[in-house]
Amino acid sequence: MAKAQRQADLFSGEPAMPEGFDYRQEVISTDEERHFAAWFAQLPLAPFEFHGFLGRRRIVSFGWRYDYAGRQIRPSADIPEILLPLRQRAADVVGLAAGSLQQVLVTEYGPGAPIGWHRDKPMFEEIVAISFLAPCLLRFRRRLRDSWERRSLEVMPRSAYVLSGAARNDWEHSIPPLSALRYSVTFRSLRDA
C-alpha cells in the first residue's frame, strides 16, 4: 500500500501536511469497496444532529456515540462483525491493537453534503478514516496570530488517513460539499481507555 510523504518535496512548492497526519492509498480493494458500500446503504443512517440542527450528511455510530446535549460519549450498538476486518486494517495503518479502536462512525455524504470546520471531541485520541466511492478534498486550518495556516489534500476512494498529534489536536479539518456519493468509516480510540 502506498504511503504519502509526511514532508513536502523540497522542489514542489507544496507545503507539508500537518505533523501527525498520515495518508495511505489503496488500503482496501475495489471489490471490498463495493461490498462495504452496499452494506452501508442498508444501515439505519440518520441525519447528523447538532444542537437541534440537522446536517446534510447521515451517520450511524457503533461502540460509542457522542451525545452533543450531554457533551459526553455514551454506549452504542456493538461494532458489527462485518466491520471487524476493516477495523483491523485501520489498526494496522495507525499501528494500534484493533481493540483499541472502540468507536466507529459510518458517514454517508450525499451530493452537496459537507462537514464544517471542527476538531474531534477531546475524549477521542487516534483517528483513522477509510474512504469509499467518491474522492473528497480534506482541508486543514490552524489559527495563527491574525491569519490562518491552511493545507489540503484530495482523499481518494479506498484510502485511509490518520489524525494524531498536532494534526489531531492543533488543526481543524473540514470537507467542502461533495459532487457524488461518498462514505467514510472513522475509527477512534478513546483517551485513557
N, C-alpha and C. Protein backbone atom coordinates (compact mmCIF):
# COMPACT_ATOMS: atom_id res chain seq x y z
N MET A 1 0.84 -1.18 0.00
CA MET A 1 0.00 0.00 0.00
C MET A 1 0.88 1.24 0.00
N ALA A 2 0.49 2.21 -0.79
CA ALA A 2 1.29 3.43 -0.91
C ALA A 2 1.12 4.30 0.32
N LYS A 3 2.19 4.94 0.72
CA LYS A 3 2.17 5.83 1.88
C LYS A 3 2.53 7.23 1.41
N ALA A 4 1.75 8.21 1.86
CA ALA A 4 2.03 9.59 1.49
C ALA A 4 3.26 10.09 2.22
N GLN A 5 3.94 11.03 1.60
CA GLN A 5 5.06 11.67 2.27
C GLN A 5 4.54 12.54 3.40
N ARG A 6 5.24 12.56 4.50
CA ARG A 6 4.86 13.42 5.62
C ARG A 6 5.41 14.82 5.43
N GLN A 7 6.44 14.98 4.60
CA GLN A 7 7.01 16.29 4.35
C GLN A 7 6.86 16.61 2.87
N ALA A 8 6.80 17.87 2.58
CA ALA A 8 6.70 18.29 1.19
C ALA A 8 8.03 18.06 0.49
N ASP A 9 7.95 17.82 -0.79
CA ASP A 9 9.13 17.74 -1.63
C ASP A 9 9.79 19.12 -1.64
N LEU A 10 11.10 19.17 -1.46
CA LEU A 10 11.81 20.45 -1.40
C LEU A 10 11.59 21.31 -2.63
N PHE A 11 11.34 20.67 -3.77
CA PHE A 11 11.25 21.41 -5.02
C PHE A 11 9.83 21.55 -5.55
N SER A 12 8.84 20.99 -4.85
CA SER A 12 7.48 21.01 -5.37
C SER A 12 6.76 22.32 -5.07
N GLY A 13 7.20 23.04 -4.05
CA GLY A 13 6.50 24.25 -3.64
C GLY A 13 5.27 23.96 -2.80
N GLU A 14 4.95 22.69 -2.60
CA GLU A 14 3.80 22.30 -1.78
C GLU A 14 4.18 22.29 -0.31
N PRO A 15 3.37 22.90 0.56
CA PRO A 15 3.68 22.87 1.99
C PRO A 15 3.44 21.47 2.56
N ALA A 16 4.15 21.16 3.62
CA ALA A 16 3.99 19.87 4.29
C ALA A 16 2.62 19.80 4.93
N MET A 17 2.08 18.60 4.97
CA MET A 17 0.83 18.37 5.70
C MET A 17 1.12 18.48 7.19
N PRO A 18 0.10 18.70 8.01
CA PRO A 18 0.33 18.84 9.45
C PRO A 18 1.03 17.62 10.05
N GLU A 19 1.90 17.88 11.02
CA GLU A 19 2.57 16.80 11.73
C GLU A 19 1.51 15.93 12.41
N GLY A 20 1.66 14.62 12.30
CA GLY A 20 0.68 13.70 12.86
C GLY A 20 -0.37 13.25 11.86
N PHE A 21 -0.31 13.77 10.63
CA PHE A 21 -1.20 13.33 9.57
C PHE A 21 -0.48 12.28 8.75
N ASP A 22 -1.16 11.20 8.44
CA ASP A 22 -0.61 10.16 7.58
C ASP A 22 -1.69 9.76 6.59
N TYR A 23 -1.30 9.45 5.37
CA TYR A 23 -2.24 9.12 4.31
C TYR A 23 -1.74 7.90 3.56
N ARG A 24 -2.62 6.93 3.36
CA ARG A 24 -2.27 5.70 2.64
C ARG A 24 -3.32 5.45 1.56
N GLN A 25 -2.84 5.15 0.38
CA GLN A 25 -3.75 4.83 -0.72
C GLN A 25 -3.96 3.32 -0.81
N GLU A 26 -5.11 2.96 -1.37
CA GLU A 26 -5.44 1.56 -1.67
C GLU A 26 -5.30 0.64 -0.46
N VAL A 27 -5.92 1.00 0.65
CA VAL A 27 -5.90 0.12 1.83
C VAL A 27 -6.96 -0.96 1.73
N ILE A 28 -7.92 -0.78 0.82
CA ILE A 28 -8.89 -1.83 0.51
C ILE A 28 -8.98 -1.97 -1.00
N SER A 29 -9.51 -3.11 -1.46
CA SER A 29 -9.64 -3.37 -2.89
C SER A 29 -10.95 -2.78 -3.42
N THR A 30 -11.09 -2.72 -4.73
CA THR A 30 -12.35 -2.24 -5.32
C THR A 30 -13.50 -3.19 -4.99
N ASP A 31 -13.23 -4.50 -4.93
CA ASP A 31 -14.28 -5.45 -4.54
C ASP A 31 -14.73 -5.21 -3.10
N GLU A 32 -13.78 -4.99 -2.20
CA GLU A 32 -14.14 -4.68 -0.81
C GLU A 32 -14.93 -3.38 -0.74
N GLU A 33 -14.51 -2.39 -1.52
CA GLU A 33 -15.22 -1.11 -1.53
C GLU A 33 -16.68 -1.30 -1.93
N ARG A 34 -16.92 -2.05 -3.00
CA ARG A 34 -18.29 -2.31 -3.45
C ARG A 34 -19.10 -3.06 -2.39
N HIS A 35 -18.47 -4.07 -1.79
CA HIS A 35 -19.12 -4.88 -0.76
C HIS A 35 -19.55 -4.00 0.42
N PHE A 36 -18.63 -3.20 0.94
CA PHE A 36 -18.96 -2.35 2.08
C PHE A 36 -19.97 -1.27 1.71
N ALA A 37 -19.84 -0.66 0.54
CA ALA A 37 -20.77 0.40 0.14
C ALA A 37 -22.20 -0.14 0.07
N ALA A 38 -22.37 -1.36 -0.44
CA ALA A 38 -23.71 -1.97 -0.48
C ALA A 38 -24.23 -2.20 0.94
N TRP A 39 -23.35 -2.59 1.84
CA TRP A 39 -23.76 -2.81 3.23
C TRP A 39 -24.11 -1.48 3.91
N PHE A 40 -23.29 -0.44 3.67
CA PHE A 40 -23.57 0.88 4.26
C PHE A 40 -24.95 1.39 3.85
N ALA A 41 -25.32 1.14 2.59
CA ALA A 41 -26.60 1.64 2.07
C ALA A 41 -27.79 1.03 2.81
N GLN A 42 -27.59 -0.11 3.48
CA GLN A 42 -28.66 -0.78 4.22
C GLN A 42 -28.71 -0.37 5.70
N LEU A 43 -27.75 0.40 6.15
CA LEU A 43 -27.69 0.79 7.56
C LEU A 43 -28.78 1.79 7.93
N PRO A 44 -29.16 1.86 9.21
CA PRO A 44 -30.14 2.85 9.66
C PRO A 44 -29.49 4.23 9.86
N LEU A 45 -29.00 4.78 8.77
CA LEU A 45 -28.34 6.09 8.82
C LEU A 45 -29.37 7.18 9.14
N ALA A 46 -28.97 8.13 9.95
CA ALA A 46 -29.85 9.24 10.33
C ALA A 46 -29.10 10.55 10.12
N PRO A 47 -29.82 11.64 9.81
CA PRO A 47 -29.14 12.92 9.64
C PRO A 47 -28.34 13.28 10.89
N PHE A 48 -27.15 13.82 10.68
CA PHE A 48 -26.32 14.29 11.78
C PHE A 48 -27.06 15.41 12.49
N GLU A 49 -27.19 15.30 13.80
CA GLU A 49 -27.90 16.31 14.58
C GLU A 49 -26.94 17.01 15.52
N PHE A 50 -26.97 18.34 15.47
CA PHE A 50 -26.08 19.15 16.31
C PHE A 50 -26.90 20.26 16.94
N HIS A 51 -27.21 20.13 18.22
CA HIS A 51 -27.97 21.13 18.97
C HIS A 51 -29.24 21.56 18.24
N GLY A 52 -30.01 20.59 17.77
CA GLY A 52 -31.28 20.88 17.12
C GLY A 52 -31.21 21.13 15.63
N PHE A 53 -30.02 21.24 15.07
CA PHE A 53 -29.87 21.45 13.63
C PHE A 53 -29.50 20.12 12.98
N LEU A 54 -30.06 19.88 11.79
CA LEU A 54 -29.76 18.65 11.06
C LEU A 54 -28.77 18.94 9.95
N GLY A 55 -27.71 18.15 9.89
CA GLY A 55 -26.72 18.28 8.84
C GLY A 55 -27.15 17.53 7.59
N ARG A 56 -26.43 17.73 6.52
CA ARG A 56 -26.76 17.09 5.25
C ARG A 56 -26.13 15.71 5.12
N ARG A 57 -25.24 15.37 6.01
CA ARG A 57 -24.67 14.03 5.99
C ARG A 57 -25.47 13.15 6.94
N ARG A 58 -25.42 11.84 6.69
CA ARG A 58 -26.14 10.89 7.55
C ARG A 58 -25.13 9.97 8.21
N ILE A 59 -25.43 9.56 9.45
CA ILE A 59 -24.45 8.81 10.24
C ILE A 59 -25.10 7.67 11.01
N VAL A 60 -24.25 6.74 11.45
CA VAL A 60 -24.60 5.75 12.45
C VAL A 60 -23.31 5.42 13.21
N SER A 61 -23.43 5.29 14.54
CA SER A 61 -22.27 5.02 15.40
C SER A 61 -22.35 3.62 15.98
N PHE A 62 -21.18 3.05 16.23
CA PHE A 62 -21.07 1.76 16.88
C PHE A 62 -20.01 1.85 17.97
N GLY A 63 -20.20 1.06 19.03
CA GLY A 63 -19.26 1.07 20.14
C GLY A 63 -19.58 2.20 21.11
N TRP A 64 -19.42 3.42 20.64
CA TRP A 64 -19.73 4.63 21.40
C TRP A 64 -20.31 5.66 20.45
N ARG A 65 -21.12 6.55 20.98
CA ARG A 65 -21.62 7.69 20.20
C ARG A 65 -21.44 8.94 21.05
N TYR A 66 -21.23 10.05 20.37
CA TYR A 66 -21.09 11.31 21.10
C TYR A 66 -22.46 11.94 21.29
N ASP A 67 -22.79 12.28 22.54
CA ASP A 67 -24.04 12.95 22.90
C ASP A 67 -23.74 14.44 23.01
N TYR A 68 -24.17 15.22 22.01
CA TYR A 68 -23.88 16.66 22.00
C TYR A 68 -24.59 17.39 23.13
N ALA A 69 -25.81 16.98 23.46
CA ALA A 69 -26.53 17.64 24.55
C ALA A 69 -25.83 17.42 25.88
N GLY A 70 -25.38 16.20 26.13
CA GLY A 70 -24.71 15.88 27.39
C GLY A 70 -23.21 16.10 27.36
N ARG A 71 -22.67 16.39 26.18
CA ARG A 71 -21.23 16.61 25.99
C ARG A 71 -20.39 15.45 26.54
N GLN A 72 -20.83 14.24 26.20
CA GLN A 72 -20.10 13.06 26.63
C GLN A 72 -20.38 11.91 25.66
N ILE A 73 -19.59 10.86 25.77
CA ILE A 73 -19.86 9.69 24.96
C ILE A 73 -20.76 8.75 25.73
N ARG A 74 -21.57 8.03 24.97
CA ARG A 74 -22.49 7.05 25.55
C ARG A 74 -22.34 5.74 24.78
N PRO A 75 -22.59 4.63 25.45
CA PRO A 75 -22.51 3.35 24.73
C PRO A 75 -23.48 3.32 23.56
N SER A 76 -23.07 2.65 22.51
CA SER A 76 -23.89 2.50 21.32
C SER A 76 -23.94 1.01 20.98
N ALA A 77 -24.57 0.66 19.88
CA ALA A 77 -24.63 -0.74 19.45
C ALA A 77 -23.22 -1.28 19.28
N ASP A 78 -23.06 -2.57 19.51
CA ASP A 78 -21.76 -3.21 19.32
C ASP A 78 -21.28 -3.03 17.88
N ILE A 79 -19.98 -3.03 17.71
CA ILE A 79 -19.41 -2.94 16.36
C ILE A 79 -19.79 -4.21 15.61
N PRO A 80 -20.47 -4.09 14.47
CA PRO A 80 -20.89 -5.27 13.72
C PRO A 80 -19.69 -6.11 13.25
N GLU A 81 -19.90 -7.40 13.22
CA GLU A 81 -18.83 -8.33 12.84
C GLU A 81 -18.26 -8.01 11.46
N ILE A 82 -19.11 -7.55 10.55
CA ILE A 82 -18.65 -7.24 9.19
C ILE A 82 -17.58 -6.14 9.20
N LEU A 83 -17.59 -5.26 10.22
CA LEU A 83 -16.62 -4.16 10.28
C LEU A 83 -15.32 -4.55 10.97
N LEU A 84 -15.25 -5.71 11.60
CA LEU A 84 -14.04 -6.08 12.34
C LEU A 84 -12.80 -6.21 11.45
N PRO A 85 -12.89 -6.82 10.25
CA PRO A 85 -11.69 -6.84 9.39
C PRO A 85 -11.27 -5.43 8.95
N LEU A 86 -12.24 -4.55 8.74
CA LEU A 86 -11.92 -3.17 8.37
C LEU A 86 -11.27 -2.44 9.55
N ARG A 87 -11.75 -2.73 10.75
CA ARG A 87 -11.12 -2.15 11.94
C ARG A 87 -9.68 -2.64 12.07
N GLN A 88 -9.43 -3.92 11.77
CA GLN A 88 -8.06 -4.43 11.82
C GLN A 88 -7.18 -3.70 10.81
N ARG A 89 -7.73 -3.45 9.62
CA ARG A 89 -6.97 -2.72 8.59
C ARG A 89 -6.64 -1.32 9.09
N ALA A 90 -7.61 -0.65 9.70
CA ALA A 90 -7.38 0.70 10.25
C ALA A 90 -6.33 0.65 11.36
N ALA A 91 -6.41 -0.36 12.22
CA ALA A 91 -5.44 -0.50 13.31
C ALA A 91 -4.04 -0.71 12.76
N ASP A 92 -3.93 -1.49 11.69
CA ASP A 92 -2.62 -1.71 11.06
C ASP A 92 -2.05 -0.41 10.51
N VAL A 93 -2.91 0.43 9.94
CA VAL A 93 -2.46 1.71 9.39
C VAL A 93 -1.89 2.61 10.48
N VAL A 94 -2.56 2.66 11.63
CA VAL A 94 -2.13 3.57 12.70
C VAL A 94 -1.15 2.92 13.67
N GLY A 95 -1.01 1.59 13.61
CA GLY A 95 -0.07 0.91 14.48
C GLY A 95 -0.60 0.66 15.88
N LEU A 96 -1.89 0.38 16.00
CA LEU A 96 -2.53 0.09 17.28
C LEU A 96 -3.13 -1.31 17.26
N ALA A 97 -3.44 -1.84 18.43
CA ALA A 97 -4.23 -3.07 18.52
C ALA A 97 -5.65 -2.75 18.06
N ALA A 98 -6.26 -3.64 17.31
CA ALA A 98 -7.61 -3.39 16.79
C ALA A 98 -8.60 -3.06 17.90
N GLY A 99 -8.49 -3.73 19.04
CA GLY A 99 -9.42 -3.49 20.14
C GLY A 99 -9.35 -2.10 20.72
N SER A 100 -8.27 -1.38 20.47
CA SER A 100 -8.18 -0.01 21.00
C SER A 100 -9.03 0.96 20.19
N LEU A 101 -9.43 0.59 18.98
CA LEU A 101 -10.32 1.43 18.17
C LEU A 101 -11.75 1.06 18.56
N GLN A 102 -12.27 1.75 19.56
CA GLN A 102 -13.52 1.36 20.19
C GLN A 102 -14.75 2.08 19.67
N GLN A 103 -14.55 3.14 18.90
CA GLN A 103 -15.68 3.89 18.37
C GLN A 103 -15.61 3.88 16.85
N VAL A 104 -16.76 3.61 16.22
CA VAL A 104 -16.85 3.57 14.76
C VAL A 104 -18.00 4.48 14.34
N LEU A 105 -17.72 5.33 13.38
CA LEU A 105 -18.74 6.21 12.81
C LEU A 105 -18.78 5.98 11.31
N VAL A 106 -19.94 5.54 10.81
CA VAL A 106 -20.15 5.41 9.36
C VAL A 106 -20.90 6.66 8.92
N THR A 107 -20.34 7.36 7.94
CA THR A 107 -20.93 8.61 7.46
C THR A 107 -21.22 8.51 5.97
N GLU A 108 -22.41 8.91 5.59
CA GLU A 108 -22.80 8.99 4.19
C GLU A 108 -22.87 10.47 3.81
N TYR A 109 -22.08 10.84 2.80
CA TYR A 109 -22.10 12.19 2.26
C TYR A 109 -22.79 12.11 0.89
N GLY A 110 -24.03 12.55 0.81
CA GLY A 110 -24.69 12.63 -0.48
C GLY A 110 -24.15 13.83 -1.25
N PRO A 111 -24.49 13.94 -2.54
CA PRO A 111 -24.05 15.11 -3.30
C PRO A 111 -24.48 16.41 -2.58
N GLY A 112 -23.54 17.32 -2.43
CA GLY A 112 -23.80 18.59 -1.77
C GLY A 112 -23.56 18.58 -0.27
N ALA A 113 -23.28 17.41 0.30
CA ALA A 113 -23.08 17.33 1.76
C ALA A 113 -21.65 17.68 2.13
N PRO A 114 -21.48 18.61 3.08
CA PRO A 114 -20.14 18.97 3.57
C PRO A 114 -19.98 18.51 5.02
N ILE A 115 -18.83 18.77 5.58
CA ILE A 115 -18.65 18.74 7.03
C ILE A 115 -17.84 19.99 7.37
N GLY A 116 -18.36 20.78 8.29
CA GLY A 116 -17.74 22.07 8.62
C GLY A 116 -16.45 21.92 9.42
N TRP A 117 -15.81 23.05 9.64
CA TRP A 117 -14.55 23.08 10.38
C TRP A 117 -14.77 22.58 11.80
N HIS A 118 -13.92 21.68 12.24
CA HIS A 118 -14.04 21.12 13.59
C HIS A 118 -12.77 20.38 13.98
N ARG A 119 -12.66 20.11 15.27
CA ARG A 119 -11.70 19.16 15.83
C ARG A 119 -12.53 18.07 16.48
N ASP A 120 -12.07 16.85 16.40
CA ASP A 120 -12.81 15.78 17.06
C ASP A 120 -12.82 16.01 18.56
N LYS A 121 -13.83 15.49 19.21
CA LYS A 121 -14.03 15.71 20.64
C LYS A 121 -12.84 15.20 21.45
N PRO A 122 -12.54 15.84 22.59
CA PRO A 122 -11.31 15.54 23.33
C PRO A 122 -11.24 14.15 23.96
N MET A 123 -12.37 13.46 24.09
CA MET A 123 -12.29 12.11 24.67
C MET A 123 -11.79 11.07 23.68
N PHE A 124 -11.69 11.47 22.41
CA PHE A 124 -11.12 10.59 21.39
C PHE A 124 -9.65 10.93 21.19
N GLU A 125 -8.85 9.92 20.85
CA GLU A 125 -7.42 10.16 20.66
C GLU A 125 -7.03 9.92 19.20
N GLU A 126 -6.61 8.72 18.86
CA GLU A 126 -6.20 8.42 17.49
C GLU A 126 -7.45 8.30 16.60
N ILE A 127 -7.35 8.83 15.39
CA ILE A 127 -8.47 8.82 14.45
C ILE A 127 -7.96 8.26 13.13
N VAL A 128 -8.67 7.25 12.62
CA VAL A 128 -8.34 6.66 11.32
C VAL A 128 -9.62 6.63 10.50
N ALA A 129 -9.61 7.19 9.31
CA ALA A 129 -10.79 7.19 8.44
C ALA A 129 -10.46 6.50 7.13
N ILE A 130 -11.38 5.67 6.67
CA ILE A 130 -11.25 4.98 5.39
C ILE A 130 -12.35 5.50 4.48
N SER A 131 -12.00 5.83 3.23
CA SER A 131 -12.91 6.47 2.27
C SER A 131 -13.42 5.49 1.23
N PHE A 132 -14.67 5.70 0.84
CA PHE A 132 -15.34 4.83 -0.13
C PHE A 132 -16.03 5.67 -1.20
N LEU A 133 -15.97 5.21 -2.44
CA LEU A 133 -16.67 5.74 -3.60
C LEU A 133 -16.08 7.04 -4.12
N ALA A 134 -16.58 8.19 -3.76
CA ALA A 134 -16.11 9.45 -4.36
C ALA A 134 -14.91 10.02 -3.61
N PRO A 135 -14.03 10.72 -4.33
CA PRO A 135 -12.94 11.45 -3.65
C PRO A 135 -13.51 12.68 -2.94
N CYS A 136 -12.71 13.25 -2.05
CA CYS A 136 -13.10 14.49 -1.39
C CYS A 136 -11.85 15.31 -1.12
N LEU A 137 -12.05 16.58 -0.88
CA LEU A 137 -10.95 17.45 -0.50
C LEU A 137 -10.96 17.57 1.02
N LEU A 138 -9.89 17.12 1.66
CA LEU A 138 -9.75 17.24 3.11
C LEU A 138 -8.93 18.49 3.37
N ARG A 139 -9.54 19.46 4.07
CA ARG A 139 -8.88 20.74 4.33
C ARG A 139 -8.48 20.83 5.79
N PHE A 140 -7.36 21.48 6.04
CA PHE A 140 -6.88 21.72 7.40
C PHE A 140 -6.65 23.22 7.57
N ARG A 141 -6.86 23.70 8.78
CA ARG A 141 -6.50 25.08 9.10
C ARG A 141 -6.08 25.15 10.56
N ARG A 142 -5.14 26.08 10.80
CA ARG A 142 -4.65 26.32 12.15
C ARG A 142 -4.53 27.83 12.32
N ARG A 143 -5.04 28.31 13.44
CA ARG A 143 -5.04 29.74 13.70
C ARG A 143 -3.64 30.23 14.03
N LEU A 144 -3.22 31.26 13.33
CA LEU A 144 -2.00 31.99 13.65
C LEU A 144 -2.45 33.28 14.33
N ARG A 145 -1.57 34.19 14.57
CA ARG A 145 -1.97 35.43 15.27
C ARG A 145 -3.15 36.12 14.63
N ASP A 146 -3.01 36.49 13.37
CA ASP A 146 -4.10 37.21 12.71
C ASP A 146 -4.41 36.64 11.33
N SER A 147 -4.16 35.36 11.16
CA SER A 147 -4.49 34.70 9.90
C SER A 147 -4.62 33.19 10.16
N TRP A 148 -4.84 32.46 9.09
CA TRP A 148 -4.95 31.01 9.17
C TRP A 148 -3.86 30.37 8.32
N GLU A 149 -3.24 29.35 8.86
CA GLU A 149 -2.36 28.49 8.08
C GLU A 149 -3.24 27.37 7.52
N ARG A 150 -3.11 27.08 6.24
CA ARG A 150 -4.01 26.11 5.59
C ARG A 150 -3.23 25.05 4.81
N ARG A 151 -3.82 23.89 4.77
CA ARG A 151 -3.32 22.76 3.97
C ARG A 151 -4.54 22.03 3.42
N SER A 152 -4.33 21.25 2.35
CA SER A 152 -5.41 20.41 1.84
C SER A 152 -4.82 19.25 1.04
N LEU A 153 -5.63 18.23 0.90
CA LEU A 153 -5.24 17.02 0.19
C LEU A 153 -6.49 16.38 -0.39
N GLU A 154 -6.42 15.91 -1.64
CA GLU A 154 -7.52 15.15 -2.19
C GLU A 154 -7.43 13.73 -1.66
N VAL A 155 -8.47 13.31 -0.96
CA VAL A 155 -8.55 11.97 -0.38
C VAL A 155 -9.27 11.08 -1.39
N MET A 156 -8.60 10.04 -1.81
CA MET A 156 -9.12 9.17 -2.86
C MET A 156 -9.92 8.00 -2.28
N PRO A 157 -10.82 7.44 -3.09
CA PRO A 157 -11.54 6.24 -2.65
C PRO A 157 -10.55 5.12 -2.30
N ARG A 158 -10.92 4.33 -1.31
CA ARG A 158 -10.14 3.16 -0.85
C ARG A 158 -8.90 3.55 -0.07
N SER A 159 -8.75 4.83 0.24
CA SER A 159 -7.59 5.28 1.00
C SER A 159 -7.95 5.43 2.48
N ALA A 160 -6.91 5.62 3.29
CA ALA A 160 -7.09 5.87 4.72
C ALA A 160 -6.21 7.02 5.13
N TYR A 161 -6.67 7.78 6.11
CA TYR A 161 -5.82 8.80 6.70
C TYR A 161 -5.91 8.72 8.21
N VAL A 162 -4.83 9.17 8.84
CA VAL A 162 -4.71 9.16 10.30
C VAL A 162 -4.56 10.59 10.78
N LEU A 163 -5.28 10.92 11.84
CA LEU A 163 -5.10 12.19 12.54
C LEU A 163 -4.61 11.86 13.95
N SER A 164 -3.39 12.30 14.25
CA SER A 164 -2.84 12.13 15.59
C SER A 164 -1.96 13.35 15.87
N GLY A 165 -1.50 13.47 17.10
CA GLY A 165 -0.60 14.57 17.45
C GLY A 165 -1.15 15.92 17.06
N ALA A 166 -0.30 16.75 16.44
CA ALA A 166 -0.69 18.12 16.08
C ALA A 166 -1.85 18.14 15.08
N ALA A 167 -1.85 17.23 14.10
CA ALA A 167 -2.94 17.20 13.11
C ALA A 167 -4.28 16.97 13.78
N ARG A 168 -4.27 16.21 14.85
CA ARG A 168 -5.50 15.91 15.57
C ARG A 168 -5.86 17.00 16.59
N ASN A 169 -4.86 17.54 17.28
CA ASN A 169 -5.11 18.43 18.41
C ASN A 169 -5.01 19.93 18.10
N ASP A 170 -4.18 20.31 17.13
CA ASP A 170 -3.92 21.73 16.87
C ASP A 170 -4.62 22.27 15.61
N TRP A 171 -4.94 21.39 14.69
CA TRP A 171 -5.54 21.79 13.43
C TRP A 171 -7.02 21.41 13.41
N GLU A 172 -7.85 22.25 12.80
CA GLU A 172 -9.22 21.89 12.48
C GLU A 172 -9.22 21.28 11.09
N HIS A 173 -10.24 20.49 10.79
CA HIS A 173 -10.37 19.94 9.45
C HIS A 173 -11.81 20.03 8.98
N SER A 174 -12.01 20.01 7.67
CA SER A 174 -13.35 20.08 7.08
C SER A 174 -13.30 19.46 5.69
N ILE A 175 -14.50 19.22 5.16
CA ILE A 175 -14.65 18.72 3.79
C ILE A 175 -15.72 19.59 3.12
N PRO A 176 -15.40 20.24 1.99
CA PRO A 176 -16.42 21.04 1.31
C PRO A 176 -17.47 20.12 0.67
N PRO A 177 -18.60 20.69 0.20
CA PRO A 177 -19.66 19.87 -0.39
C PRO A 177 -19.14 18.94 -1.49
N LEU A 178 -19.63 17.72 -1.44
CA LEU A 178 -19.21 16.71 -2.42
C LEU A 178 -20.08 16.76 -3.66
N SER A 179 -19.53 16.26 -4.77
CA SER A 179 -20.30 16.23 -6.01
C SER A 179 -20.93 14.87 -6.26
N ALA A 180 -20.52 13.84 -5.52
CA ALA A 180 -21.05 12.49 -5.70
C ALA A 180 -21.08 11.78 -4.35
N LEU A 181 -21.80 10.67 -4.29
CA LEU A 181 -21.95 9.91 -3.06
C LEU A 181 -20.60 9.41 -2.55
N ARG A 182 -20.36 9.63 -1.25
CA ARG A 182 -19.15 9.15 -0.58
C ARG A 182 -19.54 8.60 0.78
N TYR A 183 -18.88 7.52 1.17
CA TYR A 183 -18.99 7.01 2.53
C TYR A 183 -17.62 7.10 3.17
N SER A 184 -17.62 7.27 4.48
CA SER A 184 -16.37 7.12 5.23
C SER A 184 -16.68 6.33 6.49
N VAL A 185 -15.68 5.57 6.92
CA VAL A 185 -15.77 4.86 8.19
C VAL A 185 -14.62 5.38 9.03
N THR A 186 -14.97 6.01 10.15
CA THR A 186 -13.99 6.60 11.04
C THR A 186 -13.88 5.76 12.30
N PHE A 187 -12.67 5.36 12.60
CA PHE A 187 -12.38 4.57 13.81
C PHE A 187 -11.63 5.48 14.77
N ARG A 188 -12.03 5.44 16.05
CA ARG A 188 -11.38 6.29 17.05
C ARG A 188 -11.01 5.48 18.28
N SER A 189 -9.85 5.78 18.82
CA SER A 189 -9.50 5.25 20.14
C SER A 189 -9.96 6.27 21.18
N LEU A 190 -10.10 5.81 22.40
CA LEU A 190 -10.52 6.69 23.49
C LEU A 190 -9.32 7.07 24.32
N ARG A 191 -9.29 8.30 24.79
CA ARG A 191 -8.22 8.72 25.71
C ARG A 191 -8.40 7.96 27.02
N ASP A 192 -7.27 7.52 27.58
CA ASP A 192 -7.29 6.80 28.86
C ASP A 192 -8.19 5.57 28.83
N ALA A 193 -8.31 4.93 27.67
CA ALA A 193 -9.15 3.73 27.57
C ALA A 193 -8.34 2.49 27.89
